[in-house]
Amino acid sequence: MPLIYKICTEGEWRDAERLGQFIGSNVDKADGFIHFSTAEQAEETARKHFAGQTGLVLVTVDTEKLTGDLRWEESRGGALFPHLYEPLGVGAVKAVQPLPLDDDGRHVFP
């Protein structure tokens, strides 16, 4: 099962659970799609966009359970990143795990 990952705040995810869907962070809304990363891209995404930020979760999404418009589009350095052009239904989520910081301020991935 192909998996993709979303980093967001705990509060954003609590809102998603209440609504039954994740409508995206402010950056996602501004860009018109929800940004995701592959397993290989997630740590770099955390470093570049969430450095030192606490209160984050890592949302694991099963792409086979997505019903919407998932596109793989070129981004950083020509790499393809998954972008979802509609809200993420919580039924496609396999896991939500905390993304704490280590003593050096780097995120610790599960």
PDB file of N, CA and C in Angstrom:
ATOM      1  N   MET A   1       0.838  -1.176   0.000  1.00  0.00           N
ATOM      2  CA  MET A   1       0.000   0.000   0.000  1.00  0.00           C
ATOM      3  C   MET A   1       0.884   1.241   0.000  1.00  0.00           C
ATOM      4  N   PRO A   2       0.760   2.086  -1.003  1.00  0.00           N
ATOM      5  CA  PRO A   2       1.563   3.306  -1.067  1.00  0.00           C
ATOM      6  C   PRO A   2       1.111   4.303   0.009  1.00  0.00           C
ATOM      7  N   LEU A   3       2.077   4.789   0.782  1.00  0.00           N
ATOM      8  CA  LEU A   3       1.782   5.718   1.865  1.00  0.00           C
ATOM      9  C   LEU A   3       2.384   7.087   1.562  1.00  0.00           C
ATOM     10  N   ILE A   4       1.681   8.135   1.981  1.00  0.00           N
ATOM     11  CA  ILE A   4       2.193   9.495   1.933  1.00  0.00           C
ATOM     12  C   ILE A   4       1.976  10.106   3.311  1.00  0.00           C
ATOM     13  N   TYR A   5       2.645  11.231   3.556  1.00  0.00           N
ATOM     14  CA  TYR A   5       2.678  11.790   4.908  1.00  0.00           C
ATOM     15  C   TYR A   5       2.385  13.281   4.900  1.00  0.00           C
ATOM     16  N   LYS A   6       1.645  13.708   5.922  1.00  0.00           N
ATOM     17  CA  LYS A   6       1.327  15.121   6.125  1.00  0.00           C
ATOM     18  C   LYS A   6       1.803  15.519   7.516  1.00  0.00           C
ATOM     19  N   ILE A   7       2.520  16.618   7.605  1.00  0.00           N
ATOM     20  CA  ILE A   7       2.907  17.187   8.892  1.00  0.00           C
ATOM     21  C   ILE A   7       1.981  18.370   9.144  1.00  0.00           C
ATOM     22  N   CYS A   8       1.338  18.356  10.305  1.00  0.00           N
ATOM     23  CA  CYS A   8       0.465  19.464  10.674  1.00  0.00           C
ATOM     24  C   CYS A   8       0.450  19.606  12.190  1.00  0.00           C
ATOM     25  N   THR A   9      -0.210  20.636  12.678  1.00  0.00           N
ATOM     26  CA  THR A   9      -0.279  20.812  14.124  1.00  0.00           C
ATOM     27  C   THR A   9      -1.321  19.870  14.716  1.00  0.00           C
ATOM     28  N   GLU A  10      -1.161  19.586  15.998  1.00  0.00           N
ATOM     29  CA  GLU A  10      -2.152  18.756  16.691  1.00  0.00           C
ATOM     30  C   GLU A  10      -3.530  19.392  16.599  1.00  0.00           C
ATOM     31  N   GLY A  11      -3.586  20.714  16.740  1.00  0.00           N
ATOM     32  CA  GLY A  11      -4.863  21.425  16.668  1.00  0.00           C
ATOM     33  C   GLY A  11      -5.534  21.288  15.312  1.00  0.00           C
ATOM     34  N   GLU A  12      -4.747  21.412  14.250  1.00  0.00           N
ATOM     35  CA  GLU A  12      -5.304  21.231  12.904  1.00  0.00           C
ATOM     36  C   GLU A  12      -5.863  19.825  12.747  1.00  0.00           C
ATOM     37  N   TRP A  13      -5.146  18.839  13.299  1.00  0.00           N
ATOM     38  CA  TRP A  13      -5.637  17.465  13.154  1.00  0.00           C
ATOM     39  C   TRP A  13      -6.877  17.221  13.999  1.00  0.00           C
ATOM     40  N   ARG A  14      -6.939  17.796  15.200  1.00  0.00           N
ATOM     41  CA  ARG A  14      -8.160  17.657  16.025  1.00  0.00           C
ATOM     42  C   ARG A  14      -9.371  18.233  15.281  1.00  0.00           C
ATOM     43  N   ASP A  15      -9.176  19.378  14.630  1.00  0.00           N
ATOM     44  CA  ASP A  15     -10.250  19.964  13.822  1.00  0.00           C
ATOM     45  C   ASP A  15     -10.673  19.012  12.710  1.00  0.00           C
ATOM     46  N   ALA A  16      -9.704  18.384  12.064  1.00  0.00           N
ATOM     47  CA  ALA A  16      -9.999  17.436  10.981  1.00  0.00           C
ATOM     48  C   ALA A  16     -10.820  16.259  11.494  1.00  0.00           C
ATOM     49  N   GLU A  17     -10.459  15.728  12.644  1.00  0.00           N
ATOM     50  CA  GLU A  17     -11.213  14.605  13.207  1.00  0.00           C
ATOM     51  C   GLU A  17     -12.648  15.015  13.513  1.00  0.00           C
ATOM     52  N   ARG A  18     -12.815  16.225  14.019  1.00  0.00           N
ATOM     53  CA  ARG A  18     -14.157  16.708  14.332  1.00  0.00           C
ATOM     54  C   ARG A  18     -14.990  16.885  13.063  1.00  0.00           C
ATOM     55  N   LEU A  19     -14.355  17.385  11.989  1.00  0.00           N
ATOM     56  CA  LEU A  19     -15.056  17.628  10.724  1.00  0.00           C
ATOM     57  C   LEU A  19     -15.177  16.378   9.846  1.00  0.00           C
ATOM     58  N   GLY A  20     -14.328  15.370  10.118  1.00  0.00           N
ATOM     59  CA  GLY A  20     -14.297  14.184   9.276  1.00  0.00           C
ATOM     60  C   GLY A  20     -13.418  14.352   8.051  1.00  0.00           C
ATOM     61  N   GLN A  21     -12.754  15.502   7.958  1.00  0.00           N
ATOM     62  CA  GLN A  21     -11.856  15.757   6.832  1.00  0.00           C
ATOM     63  C   GLN A  21     -10.861  16.845   7.208  1.00  0.00           C
ATOM     64  N   PHE A  22      -9.686  16.752   6.584  1.00  0.00           N
ATOM     65  CA  PHE A  22      -8.645  17.757   6.771  1.00  0.00           C
ATOM     66  C   PHE A  22      -8.701  18.683   5.575  1.00  0.00           C
ATOM     67  N   ILE A  23      -8.965  19.964   5.826  1.00  0.00           N
ATOM     68  CA  ILE A  23      -9.101  20.914   4.721  1.00  0.00           C
ATOM     69  C   ILE A  23      -7.795  21.629   4.414  1.00  0.00           C
ATOM     70  N   GLY A  24      -6.763  21.338   5.199  1.00  0.00           N
ATOM     71  CA  GLY A  24      -5.444  21.884   4.929  1.00  0.00           C
ATOM     72  C   GLY A  24      -5.038  22.954   5.916  1.00  0.00           C
ATOM     73  N   SER A  25      -3.735  23.159   5.975  1.00  0.00           N
ATOM     74  CA  SER A  25      -3.170  24.231   6.788  1.00  0.00           C
ATOM     75  C   SER A  25      -3.307  25.534   5.998  1.00  0.00           C
ATOM     76  N   ASN A  26      -2.887  26.638   6.590  1.00  0.00           N
ATOM     77  CA  ASN A  26      -2.963  27.924   5.886  1.00  0.00           C
ATOM     78  C   ASN A  26      -2.171  27.911   4.583  1.00  0.00           C
ATOM     79  N   VAL A  27      -0.986  27.274   4.598  1.00  0.00           N
ATOM     80  CA  VAL A  27      -0.178  27.185   3.375  1.00  0.00           C
ATOM     81  C   VAL A  27      -0.901  26.370   2.309  1.00  0.00           C
ATOM     82  N   ASP A  28      -1.504  25.257   2.731  1.00  0.00           N
ATOM     83  CA  ASP A  28      -2.254  24.423   1.783  1.00  0.00           C
ATOM     84  C   ASP A  28      -3.388  25.225   1.140  1.00  0.00           C
ATOM     85  N   LYS A  29      -4.132  25.931   1.978  1.00  0.00           N
ATOM     86  CA  LYS A  29      -5.269  26.714   1.474  1.00  0.00           C
ATOM     87  C   LYS A  29      -4.789  27.789   0.502  1.00  0.00           C
ATOM     88  N   ALA A  30      -3.682  28.441   0.821  1.00  0.00           N
ATOM     89  CA  ALA A  30      -3.145  29.482  -0.065  1.00  0.00           C
ATOM     90  C   ALA A  30      -2.697  28.901  -1.403  1.00  0.00           C
ATOM     91  N   ASP A  31      -2.139  27.684  -1.378  1.00  0.00           N
ATOM     92  CA  ASP A  31      -1.632  27.058  -2.607  1.00  0.00           C
ATOM     93  C   ASP A  31      -2.718  26.327  -3.398  1.00  0.00           C
ATOM     94  N   GLY A  32      -3.863  26.054  -2.779  1.00  0.00           N
ATOM     95  CA  GLY A  32      -4.963  25.392  -3.483  1.00  0.00           C
ATOM     96  C   GLY A  32      -4.894  23.881  -3.486  1.00  0.00           C
ATOM     97  N   PHE A  33      -4.016  23.307  -2.670  1.00  0.00           N
ATOM     98  CA  PHE A  33      -3.923  21.850  -2.545  1.00  0.00           C
ATOM     99  C   PHE A  33      -3.251  21.517  -1.224  1.00  0.00           C
ATOM    100  N   ILE A  34      -3.394  20.265  -0.792  1.00  0.00           N
ATOM    101  CA  ILE A  34      -2.758  19.816   0.446  1.00  0.00           C
ATOM    102  C   ILE A  34      -1.410  19.205   0.099  1.00  0.00           C
ATOM    103  N   HIS A  35      -0.367  19.737   0.728  1.00  0.00           N
ATOM    104  CA  HIS A  35       0.998  19.257   0.523  1.00  0.00           C
ATOM    105  C   HIS A  35       1.226  17.963   1.298  1.00  0.00           C
ATOM    106  N   PHE A  36       1.815  16.978   0.657  1.00  0.00           N
ATOM    107  CA  PHE A  36       2.224  15.738   1.297  1.00  0.00           C
ATOM    108  C   PHE A  36       3.683  15.468   0.948  1.00  0.00           C
ATOM    109  N   SER A  37       4.249  14.499   1.632  1.00  0.00           N
ATOM    110  CA  SER A  37       5.611  14.039   1.350  1.00  0.00           C
ATOM    111  C   SER A  37       5.615  12.525   1.307  1.00  0.00           C
ATOM    112  N   THR A  38       6.608  11.976   0.631  1.00  0.00           N
ATOM    113  CA  THR A  38       6.857  10.542   0.711  1.00  0.00           C
ATOM    114  C   THR A  38       7.664  10.293   1.986  1.00  0.00           C
ATOM    115  N   ALA A  39       7.880   9.034   2.321  1.00  0.00           N
ATOM    116  CA  ALA A  39       8.697   8.704   3.495  1.00  0.00           C
ATOM    117  C   ALA A  39      10.096   9.291   3.354  1.00  0.00           C
ATOM    118  N   GLU A  40      10.635   9.262   2.154  1.00  0.00           N
ATOM    119  CA  GLU A  40      11.982   9.771   1.914  1.00  0.00           C
ATOM    120  C   GLU A  40      12.050  11.294   2.000  1.00  0.00           C
ATOM    121  N   GLN A  41      10.946  11.977   1.784  1.00  0.00           N
ATOM    122  CA  GLN A  41      10.921  13.439   1.760  1.00  0.00           C
ATOM    123  C   GLN A  41      10.505  14.073   3.085  1.00  0.00           C
ATOM    124  N   ALA A  42       9.874  13.308   3.975  1.00  0.00           N
ATOM    125  CA  ALA A  42       9.239  13.879   5.167  1.00  0.00           C
ATOM    126  C   ALA A  42      10.223  14.584   6.103  1.00  0.00           C
ATOM    127  N   GLU A  43      11.391  13.998   6.329  1.00  0.00           N
ATOM    128  CA  GLU A  43      12.341  14.634   7.248  1.00  0.00           C
ATOM    129  C   GLU A  43      12.850  15.962   6.697  1.00  0.00           C
ATOM    130  N   GLU A  44      13.100  16.024   5.406  1.00  0.00           N
ATOM    131  CA  GLU A  44      13.541  17.281   4.800  1.00  0.00           C
ATOM    132  C   GLU A  44      12.418  18.328   4.867  1.00  0.00           C
ATOM    133  N   THR A  45      11.192  17.886   4.650  1.00  0.00           N
ATOM    134  CA  THR A  45      10.045  18.795   4.769  1.00  0.00           C
ATOM    135  C   THR A  45       9.968  19.371   6.181  1.00  0.00           C
ATOM    136  N   ALA A  46      10.152  18.531   7.184  1.00  0.00           N
ATOM    137  CA  ALA A  46      10.129  19.002   8.572  1.00  0.00           C
ATOM    138  C   ALA A  46      11.236  20.016   8.813  1.00  0.00           C
ATOM    139  N   ARG A  47      12.424  19.718   8.318  1.00  0.00           N
ATOM    140  CA  ARG A  47      13.565  20.624   8.492  1.00  0.00           C
ATOM    141  C   ARG A  47      13.331  21.977   7.820  1.00  0.00           C
ATOM    142  N   LYS A  48      12.816  21.950   6.588  1.00  0.00           N
ATOM    143  CA  LYS A  48      12.668  23.184   5.811  1.00  0.00           C
ATOM    144  C   LYS A  48      11.475  24.032   6.240  1.00  0.00           C
ATOM    145  N   HIS A  49      10.385  23.382   6.636  1.00  0.00           N
ATOM    146  CA  HIS A  49       9.140  24.124   6.856  1.00  0.00           C
ATOM    147  C   HIS A  49       8.644  24.140   8.300  1.00  0.00           C
ATOM    148  N   PHE A  50       9.200  23.291   9.152  1.00  0.00           N
ATOM    149  CA  PHE A  50       8.710  23.191  10.527  1.00  0.00           C
ATOM    150  C   PHE A  50       9.839  23.197  11.550  1.00  0.00           C
ATOM    151  N   ALA A  51      10.997  23.716  11.201  1.00  0.00           N
ATOM    152  CA  ALA A  51      12.179  23.676  12.068  1.00  0.00           C
ATOM    153  C   ALA A  51      11.870  24.219  13.463  1.00  0.00           C
ATOM    154  N   GLY A  52      12.143  23.387  14.464  1.00  0.00           N
ATOM    155  CA  GLY A  52      11.992  23.781  15.848  1.00  0.00           C
ATOM    156  C   GLY A  52      10.566  23.895  16.347  1.00  0.00           C
ATOM    157  N   GLN A  53       9.591  23.621  15.498  1.00  0.00           N
ATOM    158  CA  GLN A  53       8.188  23.775  15.886  1.00  0.00           C
ATOM    159  C   GLN A  53       7.718  22.577  16.707  1.00  0.00           C
ATOM    160  N   THR A  54       7.056  22.857  17.809  1.00  0.00           N
ATOM    161  CA  THR A  54       6.495  21.805  18.665  1.00  0.00           C
ATOM    162  C   THR A  54       5.012  21.642  18.367  1.00  0.00           C
ATOM    163  N   GLY A  55       4.414  20.603  18.960  1.00  0.00           N
ATOM    164  CA  GLY A  55       2.985  20.377  18.812  1.00  0.00           C
ATOM    165  C   GLY A  55       2.571  19.876  17.450  1.00  0.00           C
ATOM    166  N   LEU A  56       3.472  19.154  16.773  1.00  0.00           N
ATOM    167  CA  LEU A  56       3.181  18.632  15.437  1.00  0.00           C
ATOM    168  C   LEU A  56       2.834  17.146  15.486  1.00  0.00           C
ATOM    169  N   VAL A  57       2.105  16.708  14.467  1.00  0.00           N
ATOM    170  CA  VAL A  57       1.831  15.286  14.276  1.00  0.00           C
ATOM    171  C   VAL A  57       2.207  14.898  12.852  1.00  0.00           C
ATOM    172  N   LEU A  58       2.500  13.620  12.694  1.00  0.00           N
ATOM    173  CA  LEU A  58       2.762  13.036  11.384  1.00  0.00           C
ATOM    174  C   LEU A  58       1.557  12.177  11.028  1.00  0.00           C
ATOM    175  N   VAL A  59       0.867  12.541   9.964  1.00  0.00           N
ATOM    176  CA  VAL A  59      -0.336  11.839   9.519  1.00  0.00           C
ATOM    177  C   VAL A  59       0.063  10.925   8.362  1.00  0.00           C
ATOM    178  N   THR A  60      -0.178   9.637   8.537  1.00  0.00           N
ATOM    179  CA  THR A  60       0.138   8.646   7.511  1.00  0.00           C
ATOM    180  C   THR A  60      -1.131   8.339   6.729  1.00  0.00           C
ATOM    181  N   VAL A  61      -1.057   8.487   5.410  1.00  0.00           N
ATOM    182  CA  VAL A  61      -2.223   8.343   4.546  1.00  0.00           C
ATOM    183  C   VAL A  61      -2.007   7.200   3.559  1.00  0.00           C
ATOM    184  N   ASP A  62      -3.004   6.343   3.459  1.00  0.00           N
ATOM    185  CA  ASP A  62      -3.009   5.252   2.497  1.00  0.00           C
ATOM    186  C   ASP A  62      -3.582   5.780   1.183  1.00  0.00           C
ATOM    187  N   THR A  63      -2.745   5.925   0.173  1.00  0.00           N
ATOM    188  CA  THR A  63      -3.199   6.516  -1.093  1.00  0.00           C
ATOM    189  C   THR A  63      -4.272   5.667  -1.781  1.00  0.00           C
ATOM    190  N   GLU A  64      -4.319   4.380  -1.477  1.00  0.00           N
ATOM    191  CA  GLU A  64      -5.340   3.525  -2.095  1.00  0.00           C
ATOM    192  C   GLU A  64      -6.731   3.841  -1.558  1.00  0.00           C
ATOM    193  N   LYS A  65      -6.812   4.537  -0.427  1.00  0.00           N
ATOM    194  CA  LYS A  65      -8.109   4.894   0.151  1.00  0.00           C
ATOM    195  C   LYS A  65      -8.542   6.311  -0.223  1.00  0.00           C
ATOM    196  N   LEU A  66      -7.710   7.006  -0.982  1.00  0.00           N
ATOM    197  CA  LEU A  66      -8.085   8.340  -1.433  1.00  0.00           C
ATOM    198  C   LEU A  66      -9.054   8.227  -2.597  1.00  0.00           C
ATOM    199  N   THR A  67     -10.047   9.073  -2.589  1.00  0.00           N
ATOM    200  CA  THR A  67     -11.014   9.067  -3.687  1.00  0.00           C
ATOM    201  C   THR A  67     -10.847  10.281  -4.580  1.00  0.00           C
ATOM    202  N   GLY A  68      -9.952  11.185  -4.193  1.00  0.00           N
ATOM    203  CA  GLY A  68      -9.852  12.463  -4.888  1.00  0.00           C
ATOM    204  C   GLY A  68      -8.700  12.583  -5.841  1.00  0.00           C
ATOM    205  N   ASP A  69      -8.408  13.811  -6.127  1.00  0.00           N
ATOM    206  CA  ASP A  69      -7.457  14.202  -7.147  1.00  0.00           C
ATOM    207  C   ASP A  69      -6.050  14.325  -6.550  1.00  0.00           C
ATOM    208  N   LEU A  70      -5.315  13.213  -6.497  1.00  0.00           N
ATOM    209  CA  LEU A  70      -3.939  13.202  -6.019  1.00  0.00           C
ATOM    210  C   LEU A  70      -3.023  13.310  -7.230  1.00  0.00           C
ATOM    211  N   ARG A  71      -2.155  14.321  -7.205  1.00  0.00           N
ATOM    212  CA  ARG A  71      -1.222  14.528  -8.309  1.00  0.00           C
ATOM    213  C   ARG A  71       0.205  14.520  -7.775  1.00  0.00           C
ATOM    214  N   TRP A  72       1.099  13.954  -8.554  1.00  0.00           N
ATOM    215  CA  TRP A  72       2.528  13.974  -8.239  1.00  0.00           C
ATOM    216  C   TRP A  72       3.143  15.075  -9.076  1.00  0.00           C
ATOM    217  N   GLU A  73       3.582  16.140  -8.394  1.00  0.00           N
ATOM    218  CA  GLU A  73       4.041  17.322  -9.109  1.00  0.00           C
ATOM    219  C   GLU A  73       5.463  17.697  -8.697  1.00  0.00           C
ATOM    220  N   GLU A  74       6.166  18.259  -9.666  1.00  0.00           N
ATOM    221  CA  GLU A  74       7.559  18.644  -9.441  1.00  0.00           C
ATOM    222  C   GLU A  74       7.640  19.801  -8.450  1.00  0.00           C
ATOM    223  N   SER A  75       8.590  19.681  -7.535  1.00  0.00           N
ATOM    224  CA  SER A  75       8.802  20.726  -6.539  1.00  0.00           C
ATOM    225  C   SER A  75      10.294  20.845  -6.297  1.00  0.00           C
ATOM    226  N   ARG A  76      10.712  20.872  -5.016  1.00  0.00           N
ATOM    227  CA  ARG A  76      12.117  21.071  -4.648  1.00  0.00           C
ATOM    228  C   ARG A  76      13.069  20.241  -5.498  1.00  0.00           C
ATOM    229  N   GLY A  77      13.969  20.911  -6.158  1.00  0.00           N
ATOM    230  CA  GLY A  77      15.029  20.221  -6.883  1.00  0.00           C
ATOM    231  C   GLY A  77      14.546  19.243  -7.930  1.00  0.00           C
ATOM    232  N   GLY A  78      13.341  19.429  -8.423  1.00  0.00           N
ATOM    233  CA  GLY A  78      12.804  18.544  -9.444  1.00  0.00           C
ATOM    234  C   GLY A  78      12.147  17.284  -8.919  1.00  0.00           C
ATOM    235  N   ALA A  79      12.134  17.098  -7.592  1.00  0.00           N
ATOM    236  CA  ALA A  79      11.503  15.907  -7.005  1.00  0.00           C
ATOM    237  C   ALA A  79       9.984  15.988  -7.156  1.00  0.00           C
ATOM    238  N   LEU A  80       9.358  14.833  -7.301  1.00  0.00           N
ATOM    239  CA  LEU A  80       7.905  14.769  -7.378  1.00  0.00           C
ATOM    240  C   LEU A  80       7.324  14.649  -5.969  1.00  0.00           C
ATOM    241  N   PHE A  81       6.377  15.531  -5.658  1.00  0.00           N
ATOM    242  CA  PHE A  81       5.700  15.526  -4.363  1.00  0.00           C
ATOM    243  C   PHE A  81       4.220  15.276  -4.576  1.00  0.00           C
ATOM    244  N   PRO A  82       3.578  14.538  -3.665  1.00  0.00           N
ATOM    245  CA  PRO A  82       2.138  14.309  -3.773  1.00  0.00           C
ATOM    246  C   PRO A  82       1.350  15.518  -3.274  1.00  0.00           C
ATOM    247  N   HIS A  83       0.385  15.944  -4.087  1.00  0.00           N
ATOM    248  CA  HIS A  83      -0.494  17.059  -3.752  1.00  0.00           C
ATOM    249  C   HIS A  83      -1.939  16.599  -3.939  1.00  0.00           C
ATOM    250  N   LEU A  84      -2.772  16.856  -2.942  1.00  0.00           N
ATOM    251  CA  LEU A  84      -4.184  16.460  -2.999  1.00  0.00           C
ATOM    252  C   LEU A  84      -5.029  17.708  -3.220  1.00  0.00           C
ATOM    253  N   TYR A  85      -5.809  17.697  -4.291  1.00  0.00           N
ATOM    254  CA  TYR A  85      -6.606  18.849  -4.688  1.00  0.00           C
ATOM    255  C   TYR A  85      -8.045  18.752  -4.190  1.00  0.00           C
ATOM    256  N   GLU A  86      -8.201  18.329  -2.976  1.00  0.00           N
ATOM    257  CA  GLU A  86      -9.500  18.303  -2.299  1.00  0.00           C
ATOM    258  C   GLU A  86      -9.231  17.966  -0.836  1.00  0.00           C
ATOM    259  N   PRO A  87     -10.212  18.115   0.037  1.00  0.00           N
ATOM    260  CA  PRO A  87      -9.983  17.764   1.443  1.00  0.00           C
ATOM    261  C   PRO A  87      -9.612  16.286   1.597  1.00  0.00           C
ATOM    262  N   LEU A  88      -8.828  16.019   2.631  1.00  0.00           N
ATOM    263  CA  LEU A  88      -8.421  14.657   2.964  1.00  0.00           C
ATOM    264  C   LEU A  88      -9.448  14.061   3.909  1.00  0.00           C
ATOM    265  N   GLY A  89     -10.135  13.023   3.481  1.00  0.00           N
ATOM    266  CA  GLY A  89     -11.071  12.321   4.348  1.00  0.00           C
ATOM    267  C   GLY A  89     -10.318  11.527   5.402  1.00  0.00           C
ATOM    268  N   VAL A  90     -10.761  11.598   6.647  1.00  0.00           N
ATOM    269  CA  VAL A  90     -10.025  10.918   7.718  1.00  0.00           C
ATOM    270  C   VAL A  90     -10.052   9.398   7.553  1.00  0.00           C
ATOM    271  N   GLY A  91     -10.936   8.863   6.747  1.00  0.00           N
ATOM    272  CA  GLY A  91     -10.980   7.427   6.496  1.00  0.00           C
ATOM    273  C   GLY A  91      -9.766   6.904   5.740  1.00  0.00           C
ATOM    274  N   ALA A  92      -9.035   7.791   5.083  1.00  0.00           N
ATOM    275  CA  ALA A  92      -7.829   7.380   4.348  1.00  0.00           C
ATOM    276  C   ALA A  92      -6.588   7.386   5.236  1.00  0.00           C
ATOM    277  N   VAL A  93      -6.757   7.808   6.488  1.00  0.00           N
ATOM    278  CA  VAL A  93      -5.621   7.944   7.395  1.00  0.00           C
ATOM    279  C   VAL A  93      -5.355   6.625   8.113  1.00  0.00           C
ATOM    280  N   LYS A  94      -4.118   6.197   8.025  1.00  0.00           N
ATOM    281  CA  LYS A  94      -3.700   4.940   8.654  1.00  0.00           C
ATOM    282  C   LYS A  94      -3.202   5.160  10.088  1.00  0.00           C
ATOM    283  N   ALA A  95      -2.529   6.301  10.323  1.00  0.00           N
ATOM    284  CA  ALA A  95      -1.980   6.581  11.654  1.00  0.00           C
ATOM    285  C   ALA A  95      -1.748   8.076  11.815  1.00  0.00           C
ATOM    286  N   VAL A  96      -1.796   8.511  13.073  1.00  0.00           N
ATOM    287  CA  VAL A  96      -1.437   9.879  13.448  1.00  0.00           C
ATOM    288  C   VAL A  96      -0.516   9.748  14.652  1.00  0.00           C
ATOM    289  N   GLN A  97       0.716  10.216  14.493  1.00  0.00           N
ATOM    290  CA  GLN A  97       1.715  10.049  15.547  1.00  0.00           C
ATOM    291  C   GLN A  97       2.361  11.381  15.892  1.00  0.00           C
ATOM    292  N   PRO A  98       2.707  11.578  17.173  1.00  0.00           N
ATOM    293  CA  PRO A  98       3.385  12.807  17.559  1.00  0.00           C
ATOM    294  C   PRO A  98       4.736  12.935  16.864  1.00  0.00           C
ATOM    295  N   LEU A  99       5.143  14.160  16.653  1.00  0.00           N
ATOM    296  CA  LEU A  99       6.425  14.445  16.008  1.00  0.00           C
ATOM    297  C   LEU A  99       7.226  15.355  16.955  1.00  0.00           C
ATOM    298  N   PRO A 100       7.780  14.765  18.016  1.00  0.00           N
ATOM    299  CA  PRO A 100       8.480  15.570  19.025  1.00  0.00           C
ATOM    300  C   PRO A 100       9.857  16.023  18.539  1.00  0.00           C
ATOM    301  N   LEU A 101      10.454  16.908  19.315  1.00  0.00           N
ATOM    302  CA  LEU A 101      11.807  17.372  19.037  1.00  0.00           C
ATOM    303  C   LEU A 101      12.800  16.635  19.917  1.00  0.00           C
ATOM    304  N   ASP A 102      13.995  16.382  19.377  1.00  0.00           N
ATOM    305  CA  ASP A 102      15.060  15.807  20.207  1.00  0.00           C
ATOM    306  C   ASP A 102      15.810  16.940  20.908  1.00  0.00           C
ATOM    307  N   ASP A 103      16.849  16.615  21.633  1.00  0.00           N
ATOM    308  CA  ASP A 103      17.601  17.612  22.389  1.00  0.00           C
ATOM    309  C   ASP A 103      18.286  18.651  21.499  1.00  0.00           C
ATOM    310  N   ASP A 104      18.468  18.321  20.225  1.00  0.00           N
ATOM    311  CA  ASP A 104      19.096  19.242  19.283  1.00  0.00           C
ATOM    312  C   ASP A 104      18.072  20.054  18.494  1.00  0.00           C
ATOM    313  N   GLY A 105      16.767  19.875  18.804  1.00  0.00           N
ATOM    314  CA  GLY A 105      15.726  20.623  18.129  1.00  0.00           C
ATOM    315  C   GLY A 105      15.287  20.050  16.792  1.00  0.00           C
ATOM    316  N   ARG A 106      15.677  18.799  16.530  1.00  0.00           N
ATOM    317  CA  ARG A 106      15.250  18.129  15.284  1.00  0.00           C
ATOM    318  C   ARG A 106      14.044  17.232  15.578  1.00  0.00           C
ATOM    319  N   HIS A 107      13.173  17.100  14.610  1.00  0.00           N
ATOM    320  CA  HIS A 107      11.991  16.253  14.801  1.00  0.00           C
ATOM    321  C   HIS A 107      12.384  14.779  14.798  1.00  0.00           C
ATOM    322  N   VAL A 108      11.759  14.049  15.699  1.00  0.00           N
ATOM    323  CA  VAL A 108      12.011  12.614  15.830  1.00  0.00           C
ATOM    324  C   VAL A 108      10.860  11.881  15.139  1.00  0.00           C
ATOM    325  N   PHE A 109      11.198  11.182  14.059  1.00  0.00           N
ATOM    326  CA  PHE A 109      10.183  10.463  13.287  1.00  0.00           C
ATOM    327  C   PHE A 109       9.990   9.058  13.845  1.00  0.00           C
ATOM    328  N   PRO A 110       8.719   8.601  13.832  1.00  0.00           N
ATOM    329  CA  PRO A 110       8.427   7.240  14.334  1.00  0.00           C
ATOM    330  C   PRO A 110       9.071   6.164  13.469  1.00  0.00           C
TER     331      PRO A 110
END
